[in-house]
Amino acid sequence: TTQETKSDETNGHYTLETYTLNGKPALTQNIDFNYKSIHSNEREIVVVGRECCKIYKYNGFVKYNGEYKQGINEFFPTKRRNHYIMITNKETQMIHKK
């Protein structure tokens, strides 16, 4: 699956759009915060902001919505199911979400 983001400059929000490998729309999801990176794998999409992170399933379900006051430099999925790496200003953590 491929993905594309676009800005909606009228309200400061973003729209995340995913497509099948055949080019057909698969998911349209509003992003209600300023993000700095997006990562994906075959199961989910991780949207990372300065202090927040949301993990979306390809069906639109929000699997995780977390805030980290210490700030997030990066948060991305690993090859292992439900395992992520989070890098903050102070540390690097392996996180397991159920």
N, C-alpha and C. Protein backbone atom coordinates (compact mmCIF):
# COMPACT_ATOMS: atom_id res chain seq x y z
N THR A 1 0.84 -1.17 0.00
CA THR A 1 0.00 0.00 0.00
C THR A 1 0.89 1.24 0.00
N THR A 2 0.50 2.24 -0.74
CA THR A 2 1.24 3.49 -0.76
C THR A 2 0.43 4.53 -0.03
N GLN A 3 1.06 5.65 0.30
CA GLN A 3 0.33 6.69 1.02
C GLN A 3 0.76 8.07 0.57
N GLU A 4 -0.12 9.01 0.82
CA GLU A 4 0.13 10.38 0.42
C GLU A 4 -0.50 11.27 1.49
N THR A 5 0.12 12.41 1.76
CA THR A 5 -0.50 13.36 2.67
C THR A 5 -0.66 14.68 1.94
N LYS A 6 -1.65 15.43 2.36
CA LYS A 6 -1.82 16.76 1.78
C LYS A 6 -2.31 17.71 2.87
N SER A 7 -1.99 18.95 2.74
CA SER A 7 -2.37 19.94 3.72
C SER A 7 -3.69 20.59 3.33
N ASP A 8 -4.52 20.80 4.31
CA ASP A 8 -5.75 21.57 4.12
C ASP A 8 -5.50 22.90 4.79
N GLU A 9 -5.04 23.87 4.03
CA GLU A 9 -4.58 25.13 4.60
C GLU A 9 -5.68 25.97 5.20
N THR A 10 -6.94 25.64 4.96
CA THR A 10 -8.02 26.45 5.51
C THR A 10 -8.21 26.22 7.00
N ASN A 11 -7.91 25.03 7.52
CA ASN A 11 -8.10 24.80 8.94
C ASN A 11 -6.87 24.25 9.64
N GLY A 12 -5.74 24.14 8.95
CA GLY A 12 -4.51 23.70 9.59
C GLY A 12 -4.43 22.21 9.85
N HIS A 13 -5.39 21.44 9.39
CA HIS A 13 -5.37 19.99 9.58
C HIS A 13 -4.84 19.33 8.32
N TYR A 14 -4.59 18.05 8.43
CA TYR A 14 -4.06 17.29 7.31
C TYR A 14 -4.98 16.11 7.03
N THR A 15 -4.89 15.62 5.82
CA THR A 15 -5.62 14.43 5.44
C THR A 15 -4.62 13.38 4.99
N LEU A 16 -4.68 12.21 5.61
CA LEU A 16 -3.84 11.09 5.22
C LEU A 16 -4.65 10.21 4.28
N GLU A 17 -4.11 9.94 3.12
CA GLU A 17 -4.80 9.11 2.14
C GLU A 17 -3.91 7.92 1.82
N THR A 18 -4.48 6.72 1.84
CA THR A 18 -3.73 5.53 1.45
C THR A 18 -4.40 4.91 0.24
N TYR A 19 -3.60 4.21 -0.55
CA TYR A 19 -4.07 3.61 -1.79
C TYR A 19 -3.59 2.16 -1.87
N THR A 20 -4.34 1.33 -2.57
CA THR A 20 -3.90 -0.02 -2.84
C THR A 20 -2.79 0.03 -3.89
N LEU A 21 -2.13 -1.08 -4.10
CA LEU A 21 -1.08 -1.13 -5.12
C LEU A 21 -1.64 -0.93 -6.51
N ASN A 22 -2.96 -1.11 -6.67
CA ASN A 22 -3.63 -0.86 -7.96
C ASN A 22 -4.05 0.59 -8.11
N GLY A 23 -3.77 1.44 -7.10
CA GLY A 23 -4.10 2.85 -7.19
C GLY A 23 -5.48 3.22 -6.71
N LYS A 24 -6.20 2.27 -6.14
CA LYS A 24 -7.54 2.56 -5.64
C LYS A 24 -7.47 3.11 -4.22
N PRO A 25 -8.31 4.10 -3.87
CA PRO A 25 -8.31 4.64 -2.51
C PRO A 25 -8.62 3.54 -1.48
N ALA A 26 -7.87 3.52 -0.39
CA ALA A 26 -8.08 2.53 0.66
C ALA A 26 -8.51 3.18 1.97
N LEU A 27 -7.95 4.33 2.30
CA LEU A 27 -8.25 4.98 3.58
C LEU A 27 -8.07 6.47 3.44
N THR A 28 -8.98 7.23 4.03
CA THR A 28 -8.83 8.67 4.17
C THR A 28 -9.02 8.98 5.64
N GLN A 29 -8.00 9.57 6.26
CA GLN A 29 -8.02 9.82 7.70
C GLN A 29 -7.58 11.25 7.98
N ASN A 30 -8.37 12.00 8.77
CA ASN A 30 -7.97 13.34 9.17
C ASN A 30 -6.93 13.25 10.27
N ILE A 31 -5.90 14.08 10.16
CA ILE A 31 -4.85 14.19 11.17
C ILE A 31 -5.05 15.55 11.83
N ASP A 32 -5.32 15.55 13.16
CA ASP A 32 -5.69 16.78 13.85
C ASP A 32 -4.54 17.42 14.63
N PHE A 33 -3.29 17.08 14.26
CA PHE A 33 -2.14 17.70 14.90
C PHE A 33 -1.03 17.85 13.86
N ASN A 34 -0.08 18.73 14.15
CA ASN A 34 1.04 18.91 13.24
C ASN A 34 1.99 17.73 13.40
N TYR A 35 2.18 17.00 12.33
CA TYR A 35 3.05 15.84 12.39
C TYR A 35 4.42 16.19 11.81
N LYS A 36 5.42 15.42 12.21
CA LYS A 36 6.75 15.63 11.64
C LYS A 36 7.25 14.43 10.86
N SER A 37 6.64 13.26 11.07
CA SER A 37 7.00 12.10 10.26
C SER A 37 5.86 11.10 10.24
N ILE A 38 5.87 10.27 9.20
CA ILE A 38 4.89 9.20 9.04
C ILE A 38 5.66 7.95 8.62
N HIS A 39 5.38 6.84 9.30
CA HIS A 39 6.00 5.55 8.97
C HIS A 39 4.88 4.55 8.77
N SER A 40 5.12 3.57 7.93
CA SER A 40 4.10 2.54 7.74
C SER A 40 4.75 1.20 7.48
N ASN A 41 3.97 0.17 7.71
CA ASN A 41 4.34 -1.18 7.31
C ASN A 41 3.08 -1.82 6.75
N GLU A 42 3.07 -3.12 6.57
CA GLU A 42 1.90 -3.76 5.96
C GLU A 42 0.68 -3.79 6.87
N ARG A 43 0.83 -3.47 8.17
CA ARG A 43 -0.27 -3.55 9.12
C ARG A 43 -0.82 -2.21 9.58
N GLU A 44 0.02 -1.16 9.60
CA GLU A 44 -0.40 0.08 10.24
C GLU A 44 0.40 1.28 9.77
N ILE A 45 -0.09 2.46 10.17
CA ILE A 45 0.54 3.73 9.85
C ILE A 45 0.81 4.45 11.16
N VAL A 46 2.04 4.92 11.36
CA VAL A 46 2.42 5.63 12.57
C VAL A 46 2.63 7.10 12.20
N VAL A 47 1.88 7.99 12.85
CA VAL A 47 1.99 9.43 12.61
C VAL A 47 2.60 10.05 13.87
N VAL A 48 3.73 10.73 13.71
CA VAL A 48 4.50 11.23 14.85
C VAL A 48 4.51 12.76 14.85
N GLY A 49 4.13 13.34 16.01
CA GLY A 49 4.23 14.77 16.23
C GLY A 49 5.33 15.06 17.24
N ARG A 50 5.45 16.30 17.66
CA ARG A 50 6.50 16.66 18.63
C ARG A 50 6.30 15.98 19.98
N GLU A 51 5.06 15.89 20.45
CA GLU A 51 4.78 15.29 21.76
C GLU A 51 3.69 14.23 21.69
N CYS A 52 3.28 13.85 20.50
CA CYS A 52 2.21 12.85 20.40
C CYS A 52 2.49 11.88 19.26
N CYS A 53 1.82 10.76 19.35
CA CYS A 53 1.96 9.71 18.35
C CYS A 53 0.62 9.01 18.21
N LYS A 54 0.19 8.77 16.98
CA LYS A 54 -1.02 7.99 16.72
C LYS A 54 -0.67 6.85 15.78
N ILE A 55 -1.22 5.69 16.09
CA ILE A 55 -1.04 4.53 15.23
C ILE A 55 -2.40 4.15 14.67
N TYR A 56 -2.51 4.13 13.36
CA TYR A 56 -3.75 3.81 12.67
C TYR A 56 -3.62 2.45 12.00
N LYS A 57 -4.66 1.65 12.08
CA LYS A 57 -4.76 0.46 11.27
C LYS A 57 -5.25 0.92 9.89
N TYR A 58 -5.06 0.11 8.89
CA TYR A 58 -5.48 0.50 7.54
C TYR A 58 -7.00 0.57 7.37
N ASN A 59 -7.75 0.07 8.34
CA ASN A 59 -9.21 0.21 8.29
C ASN A 59 -9.68 1.49 8.97
N GLY A 60 -8.75 2.33 9.46
CA GLY A 60 -9.08 3.60 10.10
C GLY A 60 -9.14 3.55 11.62
N PHE A 61 -9.08 2.36 12.20
CA PHE A 61 -9.11 2.20 13.65
C PHE A 61 -7.84 2.81 14.26
N VAL A 62 -8.03 3.63 15.32
CA VAL A 62 -6.89 4.21 16.02
C VAL A 62 -6.41 3.18 17.05
N LYS A 63 -5.29 2.56 16.76
CA LYS A 63 -4.74 1.52 17.62
C LYS A 63 -4.07 2.11 18.86
N TYR A 64 -3.49 3.30 18.72
CA TYR A 64 -2.79 3.94 19.83
C TYR A 64 -2.81 5.44 19.64
N ASN A 65 -3.00 6.15 20.75
CA ASN A 65 -2.98 7.61 20.75
C ASN A 65 -2.29 8.03 22.04
N GLY A 66 -1.03 8.41 21.96
CA GLY A 66 -0.28 8.73 23.18
C GLY A 66 0.41 10.07 23.12
N GLU A 67 0.61 10.64 24.30
CA GLU A 67 1.34 11.89 24.44
C GLU A 67 2.57 11.65 25.31
N TYR A 68 3.67 12.29 24.94
CA TYR A 68 4.92 12.18 25.67
C TYR A 68 5.45 13.59 25.88
N LYS A 69 5.32 14.09 27.10
CA LYS A 69 5.72 15.47 27.40
C LYS A 69 7.21 15.71 27.23
N GLN A 70 8.02 14.63 27.33
CA GLN A 70 9.46 14.80 27.16
C GLN A 70 9.84 15.02 25.70
N GLY A 71 8.86 14.91 24.80
CA GLY A 71 9.10 15.13 23.37
C GLY A 71 9.50 13.86 22.66
N ILE A 72 9.09 13.75 21.42
CA ILE A 72 9.40 12.58 20.61
C ILE A 72 10.25 13.03 19.42
N ASN A 73 11.40 12.40 19.28
CA ASN A 73 12.20 12.65 18.07
C ASN A 73 11.76 11.72 16.96
N GLU A 74 11.51 10.46 17.30
CA GLU A 74 11.03 9.48 16.33
C GLU A 74 10.26 8.37 17.04
N PHE A 75 9.35 7.76 16.33
CA PHE A 75 8.55 6.64 16.82
C PHE A 75 8.20 5.83 15.59
N PHE A 76 8.68 4.60 15.51
CA PHE A 76 8.42 3.84 14.30
C PHE A 76 8.27 2.35 14.59
N PRO A 77 7.54 1.64 13.72
CA PRO A 77 7.33 0.21 13.92
C PRO A 77 8.59 -0.58 13.60
N THR A 78 8.72 -1.74 14.26
CA THR A 78 9.80 -2.66 13.94
C THR A 78 9.22 -3.81 13.11
N LYS A 79 10.04 -4.76 12.79
CA LYS A 79 9.55 -5.92 12.04
C LYS A 79 8.69 -6.83 12.90
N ARG A 80 8.83 -6.75 14.22
CA ARG A 80 8.03 -7.57 15.13
C ARG A 80 6.66 -6.92 15.34
N ARG A 81 5.63 -7.71 15.29
CA ARG A 81 4.26 -7.22 15.46
C ARG A 81 4.11 -6.55 16.83
N ASN A 82 3.51 -5.35 16.84
CA ASN A 82 3.20 -4.57 18.05
C ASN A 82 4.44 -4.09 18.81
N HIS A 83 5.59 -4.05 18.17
CA HIS A 83 6.81 -3.53 18.78
C HIS A 83 7.25 -2.27 18.02
N TYR A 84 7.66 -1.27 18.80
CA TYR A 84 8.01 0.03 18.24
C TYR A 84 9.28 0.53 18.91
N ILE A 85 9.96 1.42 18.22
CA ILE A 85 11.10 2.11 18.81
C ILE A 85 10.73 3.57 18.94
N MET A 86 10.89 4.11 20.17
CA MET A 86 10.64 5.52 20.41
C MET A 86 11.95 6.17 20.84
N ILE A 87 12.29 7.25 20.17
CA ILE A 87 13.48 8.02 20.50
C ILE A 87 13.02 9.38 21.01
N THR A 88 13.39 9.71 22.25
CA THR A 88 13.08 11.02 22.84
C THR A 88 14.39 11.79 22.97
N ASN A 89 14.30 12.97 23.55
CA ASN A 89 15.51 13.76 23.79
C ASN A 89 16.41 13.11 24.84
N LYS A 90 15.83 12.23 25.68
CA LYS A 90 16.58 11.65 26.78
C LYS A 90 16.95 10.19 26.59
N GLU A 91 16.18 9.43 25.79
CA GLU A 91 16.43 7.99 25.72
C GLU A 91 15.83 7.37 24.47
N THR A 92 16.21 6.12 24.25
CA THR A 92 15.63 5.29 23.20
C THR A 92 14.98 4.11 23.89
N GLN A 93 13.72 3.83 23.53
CA GLN A 93 12.98 2.74 24.18
C GLN A 93 12.39 1.80 23.14
N MET A 94 12.35 0.52 23.50
CA MET A 94 11.59 -0.46 22.74
C MET A 94 10.25 -0.55 23.43
N ILE A 95 9.16 -0.34 22.69
CA ILE A 95 7.82 -0.32 23.27
C ILE A 95 7.01 -1.46 22.67
N HIS A 96 6.29 -2.17 23.52
CA HIS A 96 5.42 -3.24 23.07
C HIS A 96 3.98 -2.85 23.38
N LYS A 97 3.17 -2.71 22.37
CA LYS A 97 1.74 -2.39 22.51
C LYS A 97 0.94 -3.63 22.20
N LYS A 98 -0.09 -3.88 22.99
CA LYS A 98 -0.93 -5.07 22.76
C LYS A 98 -2.08 -4.77 21.86
